[in-house]
């Protein structure tokens, strides 16, 4: 199913059983109707495929070597991509909130951590 990872179908992310809980959480979350995995977890352009390749490498190494943790957490660089995608999709709201405020140290997913995946 390797070529499926080049597409945009969220079901692809559940090819690996370790991600099936995240996929199910996404199906029940508020962004299910408006965003796919790639919309939140990859940047646009060529960066999408670089990110997918990097994620694929880390996932396949963990699967092959048995290094999956009990609780899968996003790496700092992955959290930065998700944060940037929140701010991109919700730019009007972020701009309105930022009027007269410094939002550089504020994280969308700190407070809105369940919009992408219900736990």
PDB file of N, CA and C in Angstrom:
ATOM      1  N   UNK A   1       0.813  -1.194   0.000  1.00  0.00           N
ATOM      2  CA  UNK A   1       0.000   0.000   0.000  1.00  0.00           C
ATOM      3  C   UNK A   1       0.859   1.261   0.000  1.00  0.00           C
ATOM      4  N   UNK A   2       2.123   1.148  -0.376  1.00  0.00           N
ATOM      5  CA  UNK A   2       3.059   2.267  -0.306  1.00  0.00           C
ATOM      6  C   UNK A   2       2.632   3.491  -1.069  1.00  0.00           C
ATOM      7  N   UNK A   3       2.077   3.316  -2.265  1.00  0.00           N
ATOM      8  CA  UNK A   3       1.688   4.488  -3.054  1.00  0.00           C
ATOM      9  C   UNK A   3       0.495   5.221  -2.446  1.00  0.00           C
ATOM     10  N   UNK A   4      -0.258   4.562  -1.605  1.00  0.00           N
ATOM     11  CA  UNK A   4      -1.409   5.235  -0.979  1.00  0.00           C
ATOM     12  C   UNK A   4      -0.962   6.415  -0.120  1.00  0.00           C
ATOM     13  N   UNK A   5       0.274   6.377   0.360  1.00  0.00           N
ATOM     14  CA  UNK A   5       0.775   7.454   1.211  1.00  0.00           C
ATOM     15  C   UNK A   5       1.039   8.733   0.437  1.00  0.00           C
ATOM     16  N   UNK A   6       1.041   8.668  -0.881  1.00  0.00           N
ATOM     17  CA  UNK A   6       1.230   9.864  -1.695  1.00  0.00           C
ATOM     18  C   UNK A   6      -0.061  10.659  -1.843  1.00  0.00           C
ATOM     19  N   UNK A   7      -1.179  10.045  -1.524  1.00  0.00           N
ATOM     20  CA  UNK A   7      -2.485  10.691  -1.679  1.00  0.00           C
ATOM     21  C   UNK A   7      -2.920  11.467  -0.460  1.00  0.00           C
ATOM     22  N   UNK A   8      -4.226  11.689  -0.389  1.00  0.00           N
ATOM     23  CA  UNK A   8      -4.793  12.528   0.666  1.00  0.00           C
ATOM     24  C   UNK A   8      -5.897  11.822   1.455  1.00  0.00           C
ATOM     25  N   UNK A   9      -6.051  10.510   1.267  1.00  0.00           N
ATOM     26  CA  UNK A   9      -7.112   9.760   1.932  1.00  0.00           C
ATOM     27  C   UNK A   9      -6.735   9.486   3.386  1.00  0.00           C
ATOM     28  N   UNK A  10      -7.506   9.997   4.347  1.00  0.00           N
ATOM     29  CA  UNK A  10      -7.202   9.783   5.754  1.00  0.00           C
ATOM     30  C   UNK A  10      -7.146   8.304   6.159  1.00  0.00           C
ATOM     31  N   UNK A  11      -7.876   7.452   5.463  1.00  0.00           N
ATOM     32  CA  UNK A  11      -7.845   6.024   5.800  1.00  0.00           C
ATOM     33  C   UNK A  11      -6.443   5.445   5.659  1.00  0.00           C
ATOM     34  N   UNK A  12      -5.625   6.058   4.817  1.00  0.00           N
ATOM     35  CA  UNK A  12      -4.249   5.603   4.632  1.00  0.00           C
ATOM     36  C   UNK A  12      -3.485   5.648   5.946  1.00  0.00           C
ATOM     37  N   UNK A  13      -3.763   6.654   6.743  1.00  0.00           N
ATOM     38  CA  UNK A  13      -3.051   6.787   8.010  1.00  0.00           C
ATOM     39  C   UNK A  13      -3.341   5.615   8.948  1.00  0.00           C
ATOM     40  N   UNK A  14      -4.461   4.941   8.726  1.00  0.00           N
ATOM     41  CA  UNK A  14      -4.826   3.797   9.560  1.00  0.00           C
ATOM     42  C   UNK A  14      -4.310   2.482   8.987  1.00  0.00           C
ATOM     43  N   UNK A  15      -3.494   2.535   7.925  1.00  0.00           N
ATOM     44  CA  UNK A  15      -2.876   1.302   7.405  1.00  0.00           C
ATOM     45  C   UNK A  15      -2.068   0.619   8.501  1.00  0.00           C
ATOM     46  N   UNK A  16      -1.491   1.426   9.352  1.00  0.00           N
ATOM     47  CA  UNK A  16      -0.708   0.902  10.473  1.00  0.00           C
ATOM     48  C   UNK A  16      -1.611   0.887  11.709  1.00  0.00           C
ATOM     49  N   UNK A  17      -1.668  -0.248  12.377  1.00  0.00           N
ATOM     50  CA  UNK A  17      -2.568  -0.367  13.521  1.00  0.00           C
ATOM     51  C   UNK A  17      -2.255   0.633  14.628  1.00  0.00           C
ATOM     52  N   UNK A  18      -1.018   1.091  14.707  1.00  0.00           N
ATOM     53  CA  UNK A  18      -0.649   2.037  15.763  1.00  0.00           C
ATOM     54  C   UNK A  18      -1.344   3.380  15.589  1.00  0.00           C
ATOM     55  N   UNK A  19      -1.777   3.688  14.382  1.00  0.00           N
ATOM     56  CA  UNK A  19      -2.436   4.965  14.122  1.00  0.00           C
ATOM     57  C   UNK A  19      -3.963   4.836  14.069  1.00  0.00           C
ATOM     58  N   UNK A  20      -4.484   3.640  14.218  1.00  0.00           N
ATOM     59  CA  UNK A  20      -5.931   3.459  14.080  1.00  0.00           C
ATOM     60  C   UNK A  20      -6.715   4.229  15.133  1.00  0.00           C
ATOM     61  N   UNK A  21      -6.210   4.359  16.336  1.00  0.00           N
ATOM     62  CA  UNK A  21      -6.882   5.136  17.366  1.00  0.00           C
ATOM     63  C   UNK A  21      -6.946   6.613  17.014  1.00  0.00           C
ATOM     64  N   UNK A  22      -5.872   7.107  16.407  1.00  0.00           N
ATOM     65  CA  UNK A  22      -5.853   8.507  15.986  1.00  0.00           C
ATOM     66  C   UNK A  22      -6.857   8.724  14.850  1.00  0.00           C
ATOM     67  N   UNK A  23      -6.917   7.761  13.945  1.00  0.00           N
ATOM     68  CA  UNK A  23      -7.872   7.840  12.835  1.00  0.00           C
ATOM     69  C   UNK A  23      -9.310   7.827  13.368  1.00  0.00           C
ATOM     70  N   UNK A  24      -9.597   6.934  14.303  1.00  0.00           N
ATOM     71  CA  UNK A  24     -10.937   6.884  14.891  1.00  0.00           C
ATOM     72  C   UNK A  24     -11.253   8.173  15.637  1.00  0.00           C
ATOM     73  N   UNK A  25     -10.275   8.716  16.337  1.00  0.00           N
ATOM     74  CA  UNK A  25     -10.472   9.980  17.035  1.00  0.00           C
ATOM     75  C   UNK A  25     -10.780  11.117  16.077  1.00  0.00           C
ATOM     76  N   UNK A  26     -10.091  11.121  14.917  1.00  0.00           N
ATOM     77  CA  UNK A  26     -10.358  12.137  13.895  1.00  0.00           C
ATOM     78  C   UNK A  26     -11.780  11.993  13.346  1.00  0.00           C
ATOM     79  N   UNK A  27     -12.240  10.755  13.137  1.00  0.00           N
ATOM     80  CA  UNK A  27     -13.576  10.531  12.611  1.00  0.00           C
ATOM     81  C   UNK A  27     -14.655  11.095  13.533  1.00  0.00           C
ATOM     82  N   UNK A  28     -14.369  11.174  14.814  1.00  0.00           N
ATOM     83  CA  UNK A  28     -15.339  11.661  15.792  1.00  0.00           C
ATOM     84  C   UNK A  28     -15.119  13.112  16.203  1.00  0.00           C
ATOM     85  N   UNK A  29     -14.117  13.750  15.656  1.00  0.00           N
ATOM     86  CA  UNK A  29     -13.772  15.116  16.055  1.00  0.00           C
ATOM     87  C   UNK A  29     -14.444  16.158  15.163  1.00  0.00           C
ATOM     88  N   UNK A  30     -14.428  17.386  15.629  1.00  0.00           N
ATOM     89  CA  UNK A  30     -15.131  18.465  14.931  1.00  0.00           C
ATOM     90  C   UNK A  30     -14.539  18.801  13.568  1.00  0.00           C
ATOM     91  N   UNK A  31     -13.262  18.563  13.341  1.00  0.00           N
ATOM     92  CA  UNK A  31     -12.653  18.908  12.055  1.00  0.00           C
ATOM     93  C   UNK A  31     -12.816  17.813  11.006  1.00  0.00           C
ATOM     94  N   UNK A  32     -13.443  16.709  11.356  1.00  0.00           N
ATOM     95  CA  UNK A  32     -13.608  15.584  10.444  1.00  0.00           C
ATOM     96  C   UNK A  32     -14.214  16.001   9.109  1.00  0.00           C
ATOM     97  N   UNK A  33     -15.187  16.880   9.139  1.00  0.00           N
ATOM     98  CA  UNK A  33     -15.896  17.276   7.918  1.00  0.00           C
ATOM     99  C   UNK A  33     -15.144  18.310   7.089  1.00  0.00           C
ATOM    100  N   UNK A  34     -14.101  18.918   7.652  1.00  0.00           N
ATOM    101  CA  UNK A  34     -13.438  20.017   6.947  1.00  0.00           C
ATOM    102  C   UNK A  34     -11.939  19.842   6.739  1.00  0.00           C
ATOM    103  N   UNK A  35     -11.326  18.848   7.366  1.00  0.00           N
ATOM    104  CA  UNK A  35      -9.871  18.704   7.264  1.00  0.00           C
ATOM    105  C   UNK A  35      -9.457  17.243   7.261  1.00  0.00           C
ATOM    106  N   UNK A  36      -8.505  16.927   6.391  1.00  0.00           N
ATOM    107  CA  UNK A  36      -7.914  15.586   6.374  1.00  0.00           C
ATOM    108  C   UNK A  36      -6.628  15.604   7.198  1.00  0.00           C
ATOM    109  N   UNK A  37      -6.030  14.463   7.366  1.00  0.00           N
ATOM    110  CA  UNK A  37      -4.768  14.362   8.109  1.00  0.00           C
ATOM    111  C   UNK A  37      -3.727  15.316   7.519  1.00  0.00           C
ATOM    112  N   UNK A  38      -3.614  15.306   6.191  1.00  0.00           N
ATOM    113  CA  UNK A  38      -2.620  16.150   5.529  1.00  0.00           C
ATOM    114  C   UNK A  38      -2.875  17.631   5.730  1.00  0.00           C
ATOM    115  N   UNK A  39      -4.130  18.031   5.843  1.00  0.00           N
ATOM    116  CA  UNK A  39      -4.441  19.442   6.034  1.00  0.00           C
ATOM    117  C   UNK A  39      -3.817  19.982   7.313  1.00  0.00           C
ATOM    118  N   UNK A  40      -3.742  19.159   8.335  1.00  0.00           N
ATOM    119  CA  UNK A  40      -3.201  19.594   9.626  1.00  0.00           C
ATOM    120  C   UNK A  40      -1.748  19.180   9.843  1.00  0.00           C
ATOM    121  N   UNK A  41      -1.372  18.017   9.337  1.00  0.00           N
ATOM    122  CA  UNK A  41      -0.071  17.450   9.686  1.00  0.00           C
ATOM    123  C   UNK A  41       1.024  17.636   8.651  1.00  0.00           C
ATOM    124  N   UNK A  42       0.715  18.265   7.515  1.00  0.00           N
ATOM    125  CA  UNK A  42       1.757  18.540   6.518  1.00  0.00           C
ATOM    126  C   UNK A  42       1.609  19.970   6.013  1.00  0.00           C
ATOM    127  N   UNK A  43       2.737  20.611   5.709  1.00  0.00           N
ATOM    128  CA  UNK A  43       2.671  21.946   5.112  1.00  0.00           C
ATOM    129  C   UNK A  43       2.308  21.829   3.632  1.00  0.00           C
ATOM    130  N   UNK A  44       2.075  22.927   2.990  1.00  0.00           N
ATOM    131  CA  UNK A  44       1.752  22.907   1.573  1.00  0.00           C
ATOM    132  C   UNK A  44       2.981  22.727   0.696  1.00  0.00           C
ATOM    133  N   UNK A  45       2.748  22.599  -0.592  1.00  0.00           N
ATOM    134  CA  UNK A  45       3.827  22.495  -1.571  1.00  0.00           C
ATOM    135  C   UNK A  45       4.677  21.253  -1.409  1.00  0.00           C
ATOM    136  N   UNK A  46       5.939  21.388  -1.799  1.00  0.00           N
ATOM    137  CA  UNK A  46       6.870  20.258  -1.736  1.00  0.00           C
ATOM    138  C   UNK A  46       7.116  19.811  -0.300  1.00  0.00           C
ATOM    139  N   UNK A  47       6.935  20.736   0.656  1.00  0.00           N
ATOM    140  CA  UNK A  47       7.120  20.392   2.066  1.00  0.00           C
ATOM    141  C   UNK A  47       6.196  19.271   2.515  1.00  0.00           C
ATOM    142  N   UNK A  48       5.042  19.152   1.849  1.00  0.00           N
ATOM    143  CA  UNK A  48       4.101  18.076   2.175  1.00  0.00           C
ATOM    144  C   UNK A  48       4.776  16.717   2.005  1.00  0.00           C
ATOM    145  N   UNK A  49       5.465  16.537   0.887  1.00  0.00           N
ATOM    146  CA  UNK A  49       6.067  15.230   0.597  1.00  0.00           C
ATOM    147  C   UNK A  49       7.341  14.995   1.401  1.00  0.00           C
ATOM    148  N   UNK A  50       8.062  16.047   1.709  1.00  0.00           N
ATOM    149  CA  UNK A  50       9.227  15.913   2.586  1.00  0.00           C
ATOM    150  C   UNK A  50       8.758  15.482   3.969  1.00  0.00           C
ATOM    151  N   UNK A  51       7.699  16.125   4.458  1.00  0.00           N
ATOM    152  CA  UNK A  51       7.149  15.783   5.774  1.00  0.00           C
ATOM    153  C   UNK A  51       6.600  14.367   5.788  1.00  0.00           C
ATOM    154  N   UNK A  52       5.866  13.994   4.728  1.00  0.00           N
ATOM    155  CA  UNK A  52       5.319  12.632   4.656  1.00  0.00           C
ATOM    156  C   UNK A  52       6.436  11.596   4.640  1.00  0.00           C
ATOM    157  N   UNK A  53       7.514  11.885   3.908  1.00  0.00           N
ATOM    158  CA  UNK A  53       8.650  10.962   3.849  1.00  0.00           C
ATOM    159  C   UNK A  53       9.327  10.848   5.212  1.00  0.00           C
ATOM    160  N   UNK A  54       9.489  11.971   5.890  1.00  0.00           N
ATOM    161  CA  UNK A  54      10.109  11.962   7.219  1.00  0.00           C
ATOM    162  C   UNK A  54       9.250  11.192   8.209  1.00  0.00           C
ATOM    163  N   UNK A  55       7.948  11.469   8.206  1.00  0.00           N
ATOM    164  CA  UNK A  55       7.035  10.738   9.100  1.00  0.00           C
ATOM    165  C   UNK A  55       7.060   9.245   8.773  1.00  0.00           C
ATOM    166  N   UNK A  56       7.005   8.927   7.485  1.00  0.00           N
ATOM    167  CA  UNK A  56       7.038   7.526   7.061  1.00  0.00           C
ATOM    168  C   UNK A  56       8.294   6.818   7.516  1.00  0.00           C
ATOM    169  N   UNK A  57       9.408   7.507   7.408  1.00  0.00           N
ATOM    170  CA  UNK A  57      10.683   6.927   7.855  1.00  0.00           C
ATOM    171  C   UNK A  57      10.626   6.622   9.351  1.00  0.00           C
ATOM    172  N   UNK A  58      10.220   7.611  10.149  1.00  0.00           N
ATOM    173  CA  UNK A  58      10.154   7.404  11.607  1.00  0.00           C
ATOM    174  C   UNK A  58       9.158   6.304  11.969  1.00  0.00           C
ATOM    175  N   UNK A  59       8.004   6.284  11.303  1.00  0.00           N
ATOM    176  CA  UNK A  59       6.996   5.263  11.605  1.00  0.00           C
ATOM    177  C   UNK A  59       7.500   3.872  11.223  1.00  0.00           C
ATOM    178  N   UNK A  60       8.117   3.755  10.043  1.00  0.00           N
ATOM    179  CA  UNK A  60       8.583   2.439   9.611  1.00  0.00           C
ATOM    180  C   UNK A  60       9.737   1.943  10.483  1.00  0.00           C
ATOM    181  N   UNK A  61      10.606   2.848  10.913  1.00  0.00           N
ATOM    182  CA  UNK A  61      11.704   2.435  11.801  1.00  0.00           C
ATOM    183  C   UNK A  61      11.139   1.962  13.142  1.00  0.00           C
ATOM    184  N   UNK A  62      10.180   2.687  13.678  1.00  0.00           N
ATOM    185  CA  UNK A  62       9.585   2.285  14.954  1.00  0.00           C
ATOM    186  C   UNK A  62       8.868   0.950  14.813  1.00  0.00           C
ATOM    187  N   UNK A  63       8.157   0.769  13.700  1.00  0.00           N
ATOM    188  CA  UNK A  63       7.448  -0.489  13.478  1.00  0.00           C
ATOM    189  C   UNK A  63       8.427  -1.643  13.314  1.00  0.00           C
ATOM    190  N   UNK A  64       9.461  -1.435  12.503  1.00  0.00           N
ATOM    191  CA  UNK A  64      10.437  -2.491  12.222  1.00  0.00           C
ATOM    192  C   UNK A  64      11.252  -2.853  13.453  1.00  0.00           C
ATOM    193  N   UNK A  65      11.663  -1.854  14.215  1.00  0.00           N
ATOM    194  CA  UNK A  65      12.527  -2.095  15.365  1.00  0.00           C
ATOM    195  C   UNK A  65      11.745  -2.249  16.671  1.00  0.00           C
ATOM    196  N   UNK A  66      10.431  -2.138  16.592  1.00  0.00           N
ATOM    197  CA  UNK A  66       9.605  -2.306  17.791  1.00  0.00           C
ATOM    198  C   UNK A  66       9.705  -1.142  18.752  1.00  0.00           C
ATOM    199  N   UNK A  67       9.890   0.065  18.243  1.00  0.00           N
ATOM    200  CA  UNK A  67      10.087   1.211  19.113  1.00  0.00           C
ATOM    201  C   UNK A  67       8.885   2.102  19.298  1.00  0.00           C
ATOM    202  N   UNK A  68       7.670   1.598  19.030  1.00  0.00           N
ATOM    203  CA  UNK A  68       6.494   2.436  19.240  1.00  0.00           C
ATOM    204  C   UNK A  68       6.256   2.605  20.729  1.00  0.00           C
ATOM    205  N   UNK A  69       6.128   3.837  21.184  1.00  0.00           N
ATOM    206  CA  UNK A  69       5.800   4.039  22.601  1.00  0.00           C
ATOM    207  C   UNK A  69       4.334   3.691  22.845  1.00  0.00           C
ATOM    208  N   UNK A  70       3.979   3.490  24.090  1.00  0.00           N
ATOM    209  CA  UNK A  70       2.583   3.199  24.431  1.00  0.00           C
ATOM    210  C   UNK A  70       1.669   4.353  24.022  1.00  0.00           C
ATOM    211  N   UNK A  71       2.136   5.569  24.220  1.00  0.00           N
ATOM    212  CA  UNK A  71       1.388   6.760  23.832  1.00  0.00           C
ATOM    213  C   UNK A  71       2.200   7.485  22.763  1.00  0.00           C
ATOM    214  N   UNK A  72       1.648   7.584  21.572  1.00  0.00           N
ATOM    215  CA  UNK A  72       2.346   8.251  20.474  1.00  0.00           C
ATOM    216  C   UNK A  72       2.147   9.749  20.612  1.00  0.00           C
ATOM    217  N   UNK A  73       3.249  10.475  20.629  1.00  0.00           N
ATOM    218  CA  UNK A  73       3.203  11.933  20.743  1.00  0.00           C
ATOM    219  C   UNK A  73       3.913  12.543  19.533  1.00  0.00           C
ATOM    220  N   UNK A  74       3.430  13.677  19.103  1.00  0.00           N
ATOM    221  CA  UNK A  74       4.038  14.383  17.978  1.00  0.00           C
ATOM    222  C   UNK A  74       5.398  14.938  18.394  1.00  0.00           C
ATOM    223  N   UNK A  75       6.336  14.879  17.462  1.00  0.00           N
ATOM    224  CA  UNK A  75       7.649  15.483  17.677  1.00  0.00           C
ATOM    225  C   UNK A  75       7.494  17.007  17.644  1.00  0.00           C
ATOM    226  N   UNK A  76       8.436  17.742  18.215  1.00  0.00           N
ATOM    227  CA  UNK A  76       8.334  19.216  18.199  1.00  0.00           C
ATOM    228  C   UNK A  76       8.142  19.796  16.798  1.00  0.00           C
ATOM    229  N   UNK A  77       8.855  19.259  15.815  1.00  0.00           N
ATOM    230  CA  UNK A  77       8.702  19.779  14.450  1.00  0.00           C
ATOM    231  C   UNK A  77       7.306  19.484  13.894  1.00  0.00           C
ATOM    232  N   UNK A  78       6.705  18.379  14.295  1.00  0.00           N
ATOM    233  CA  UNK A  78       5.337  18.059  13.874  1.00  0.00           C
ATOM    234  C   UNK A  78       4.328  18.980  14.552  1.00  0.00           C
ATOM    235  N   UNK A  79       4.550  19.255  15.825  1.00  0.00           N
ATOM    236  CA  UNK A  79       3.662  20.185  16.536  1.00  0.00           C
ATOM    237  C   UNK A  79       3.727  21.575  15.909  1.00  0.00           C
ATOM    238  N   UNK A  80       4.922  21.972  15.455  1.00  0.00           N
ATOM    239  CA  UNK A  80       5.075  23.288  14.807  1.00  0.00           C
ATOM    240  C   UNK A  80       4.286  23.341  13.497  1.00  0.00           C
ATOM    241  N   UNK A  81       4.283  22.248  12.746  1.00  0.00           N
ATOM    242  CA  UNK A  81       3.514  22.205  11.494  1.00  0.00           C
ATOM    243  C   UNK A  81       2.028  22.314  11.791  1.00  0.00           C
ATOM    244  N   UNK A  82       1.537  21.565  12.767  1.00  0.00           N
ATOM    245  CA  UNK A  82       0.118  21.615  13.125  1.00  0.00           C
ATOM    246  C   UNK A  82      -0.255  23.026  13.566  1.00  0.00           C
ATOM    247  N   UNK A  83       0.563  23.628  14.391  1.00  0.00           N
ATOM    248  CA  UNK A  83       0.294  24.994  14.857  1.00  0.00           C
ATOM    249  C   UNK A  83       0.214  25.961  13.676  1.00  0.00           C
ATOM    250  N   UNK A  84       1.154  25.849  12.741  1.00  0.00           N
ATOM    251  CA  UNK A  84       1.161  26.731  11.566  1.00  0.00           C
ATOM    252  C   UNK A  84      -0.086  26.514  10.714  1.00  0.00           C
ATOM    253  N   UNK A  85      -0.532  25.262  10.601  1.00  0.00           N
ATOM    254  CA  UNK A  85      -1.731  24.980   9.813  1.00  0.00           C
ATOM    255  C   UNK A  85      -2.985  25.527  10.490  1.00  0.00           C
ATOM    256  N   UNK A  86      -3.056  25.459  11.815  1.00  0.00           N
ATOM    257  CA  UNK A  86      -4.180  26.077  12.542  1.00  0.00           C
ATOM    258  C   UNK A  86      -4.232  27.560  12.212  1.00  0.00           C
ATOM    259  N   UNK A  87      -3.091  28.200  12.319  1.00  0.00           N
ATOM    260  CA  UNK A  87      -3.023  29.644  12.105  1.00  0.00           C
ATOM    261  C   UNK A  87      -3.298  30.015  10.650  1.00  0.00           C
ATOM    262  N   UNK A  88      -2.936  29.144   9.718  1.00  0.00           N
ATOM    263  CA  UNK A  88      -3.194  29.406   8.302  1.00  0.00           C
ATOM    264  C   UNK A  88      -4.697  29.305   8.018  1.00  0.00           C
ATOM    265  N   UNK A  89      -5.324  28.209   8.441  1.00  0.00           N
ATOM    266  CA  UNK A  89      -6.755  28.012   8.165  1.00  0.00           C
ATOM    267  C   UNK A  89      -7.636  29.019   8.895  1.00  0.00           C
ATOM    268  N   UNK A  90      -7.215  29.414  10.071  1.00  0.00           N
ATOM    269  CA  UNK A  90      -8.004  30.325  10.895  1.00  0.00           C
ATOM    270  C   UNK A  90      -7.349  31.701  10.970  1.00  0.00           C
ATOM    271  N   UNK A  91      -6.743  32.137   9.866  1.00  0.00           N
ATOM    272  CA  UNK A  91      -5.973  33.380   9.836  1.00  0.00           C
ATOM    273  C   UNK A  91      -6.799  34.595  10.257  1.00  0.00           C
ATOM    274  N   UNK A  92      -8.033  34.687   9.798  1.00  0.00           N
ATOM    275  CA  UNK A  92      -8.863  35.844  10.154  1.00  0.00           C
ATOM    276  C   UNK A  92      -9.090  35.921  11.663  1.00  0.00           C
ATOM    277  N   UNK A  93      -9.363  34.780  12.262  1.00  0.00           N
ATOM    278  CA  UNK A  93      -9.604  34.740  13.705  1.00  0.00           C
ATOM    279  C   UNK A  93      -8.316  35.049  14.471  1.00  0.00           C
ATOM    280  N   UNK A  94      -7.211  34.476  14.005  1.00  0.00           N
ATOM    281  CA  UNK A  94      -5.926  34.710  14.672  1.00  0.00           C
ATOM    282  C   UNK A  94      -5.550  36.188  14.579  1.00  0.00           C
ATOM    283  N   UNK A  95      -5.769  36.777  13.415  1.00  0.00           N
ATOM    284  CA  UNK A  95      -5.459  38.194  13.239  1.00  0.00           C
ATOM    285  C   UNK A  95      -6.313  39.054  14.171  1.00  0.00           C
ATOM    286  N   UNK A  96      -7.584  38.729  14.295  1.00  0.00           N
ATOM    287  CA  UNK A  96      -8.462  39.479  15.184  1.00  0.00           C
ATOM    288  C   UNK A  96      -8.022  39.339  16.643  1.00  0.00           C
ATOM    289  N   UNK A  97      -7.597  38.144  17.018  1.00  0.00           N
ATOM    290  CA  UNK A  97      -7.135  37.904  18.389  1.00  0.00           C
ATOM    291  C   UNK A  97      -5.819  38.609  18.652  1.00  0.00           C
ATOM    292  N   UNK A  98      -4.986  38.698  17.624  1.00  0.00           N
ATOM    293  CA  UNK A  98      -3.642  39.239  17.789  1.00  0.00           C
ATOM    294  C   UNK A  98      -3.616  40.763  17.842  1.00  0.00           C
ATOM    295  N   UNK A  99      -4.715  41.402  17.538  1.00  0.00           N
ATOM    296  CA  UNK A  99      -4.734  42.856  17.541  1.00  0.00           C
ATOM    297  C   UNK A  99      -4.302  43.356  18.910  1.00  0.00           C
ATOM    298  N   UNK A 100      -3.122  43.942  18.946  1.00  0.00           N
ATOM    299  CA  UNK A 100      -2.592  44.485  20.196  1.00  0.00           C
ATOM    300  C   UNK A 100      -2.017  43.434  21.131  1.00  0.00           C
ATOM    301  N   UNK A 101      -1.885  42.201  20.668  1.00  0.00           N
ATOM    302  CA  UNK A 101      -1.351  41.128  21.529  1.00  0.00           C
ATOM    303  C   UNK A 101      -0.230  40.401  20.816  1.00  0.00           C
ATOM    304  N   UNK A 102       0.639  39.790  21.578  1.00  0.00           N
ATOM    305  CA  UNK A 102       1.729  38.988  21.031  1.00  0.00           C
ATOM    306  C   UNK A 102       1.350  37.522  21.200  1.00  0.00           C
ATOM    307  N   UNK A 103       1.037  36.848  20.075  1.00  0.00           N
ATOM    308  CA  UNK A 103       0.602  35.446  20.133  1.00  0.00           C
ATOM    309  C   UNK A 103       1.723  34.461  19.837  1.00  0.00           C
ATOM    310  N   UNK A 104       2.972  34.943  19.762  1.00  0.00           N
ATOM    311  CA  UNK A 104       4.073  34.031  19.427  1.00  0.00           C
ATOM    312  C   UNK A 104       4.220  32.893  20.430  1.00  0.00           C
ATOM    313  N   UNK A 105       3.984  33.137  21.702  1.00  0.00           N
ATOM    314  CA  UNK A 105       4.129  32.092  22.705  1.00  0.00           C
ATOM    315  C   UNK A 105       2.857  31.306  22.979  1.00  0.00           C
ATOM    316  N   UNK A 106       1.797  31.600  22.213  1.00  0.00           N
ATOM    317  CA  UNK A 106       0.502  30.951  22.430  1.00  0.00           C
ATOM    318  C   UNK A 106       0.329  29.811  21.443  1.00  0.00           C
ATOM    319  N   UNK A 107      -0.137  28.681  21.922  1.00  0.00           N
ATOM    320  CA  UNK A 107      -0.356  27.515  21.069  1.00  0.00           C
ATOM    321  C   UNK A 107      -1.844  27.223  20.956  1.00  0.00           C
ATOM    322  N   UNK A 108      -2.315  27.109  19.716  1.00  0.00           N
ATOM    323  CA  UNK A 108      -3.727  26.780  19.482  1.00  0.00           C
ATOM    324  C   UNK A 108      -4.077  25.429  20.113  1.00  0.00           C
ATOM    325  N   UNK A 109      -3.214  24.429  19.883  1.00  0.00           N
ATOM    326  CA  UNK A 109      -3.544  23.075  20.328  1.00  0.00           C
ATOM    327  C   UNK A 109      -3.399  22.887  21.830  1.00  0.00           C
ATOM    328  N   UNK A 110      -2.837  23.853  22.514  1.00  0.00           N
ATOM    329  CA  UNK A 110      -2.777  23.755  23.978  1.00  0.00           C
ATOM    330  C   UNK A 110      -4.183  23.754  24.549  1.00  0.00           C
ATOM    331  N   UNK A 111      -5.031  24.622  24.014  1.00  0.00           N
ATOM    332  CA  UNK A 111      -6.408  24.703  24.504  1.00  0.00           C
ATOM    333  C   UNK A 111      -7.394  23.917  23.639  1.00  0.00           C
ATOM    334  N   UNK A 112      -7.090  23.784  22.370  1.00  0.00           N
ATOM    335  CA  UNK A 112      -8.000  23.131  21.428  1.00  0.00           C
ATOM    336  C   UNK A 112      -7.423  21.795  20.959  1.00  0.00           C
ATOM    337  N   UNK A 113      -6.977  20.991  21.889  1.00  0.00           N
ATOM    338  CA  UNK A 113      -6.281  19.752  21.542  1.00  0.00           C
ATOM    339  C   UNK A 113      -7.202  18.627  21.057  1.00  0.00           C
ATOM    340  N   UNK A 114      -8.499  18.800  21.180  1.00  0.00           N
ATOM    341  CA  UNK A 114      -9.388  17.721  20.760  1.00  0.00           C
ATOM    342  C   UNK A 114     -10.156  18.020  19.463  1.00  0.00           C
ATOM    343  N   UNK A 115      -9.867  19.142  18.805  1.00  0.00           N
ATOM    344  CA  UNK A 115     -10.595  19.430  17.565  1.00  0.00           C
ATOM    345  C   UNK A 115     -10.168  18.499  16.433  1.00  0.00           C
ATOM    346  N   UNK A 116      -8.934  18.026  16.484  1.00  0.00           N
ATOM    347  CA  UNK A 116      -8.443  17.131  15.449  1.00  0.00           C
ATOM    348  C   UNK A 116      -8.673  15.662  15.763  1.00  0.00           C
ATOM    349  N   UNK A 117      -8.515  15.305  17.017  1.00  0.00           N
ATOM    350  CA  UNK A 117      -8.662  13.908  17.457  1.00  0.00           C
ATOM    351  C   UNK A 117      -9.335  13.878  18.815  1.00  0.00           C
ATOM    352  N   UNK A 118     -10.516  13.332  18.883  1.00  0.00           N
ATOM    353  CA  UNK A 118     -11.124  13.104  20.194  1.00  0.00           C
ATOM    354  C   UNK A 118     -10.433  11.925  20.838  1.00  0.00           C
ATOM    355  N   UNK A 119     -10.225  12.014  22.111  1.00  0.00           N
ATOM    356  CA  UNK A 119      -9.558  10.916  22.818  1.00  0.00           C
ATOM    357  C   UNK A 119     -10.554  10.039  23.494  1.00  0.00           C
TER     358      UNK A 119
END
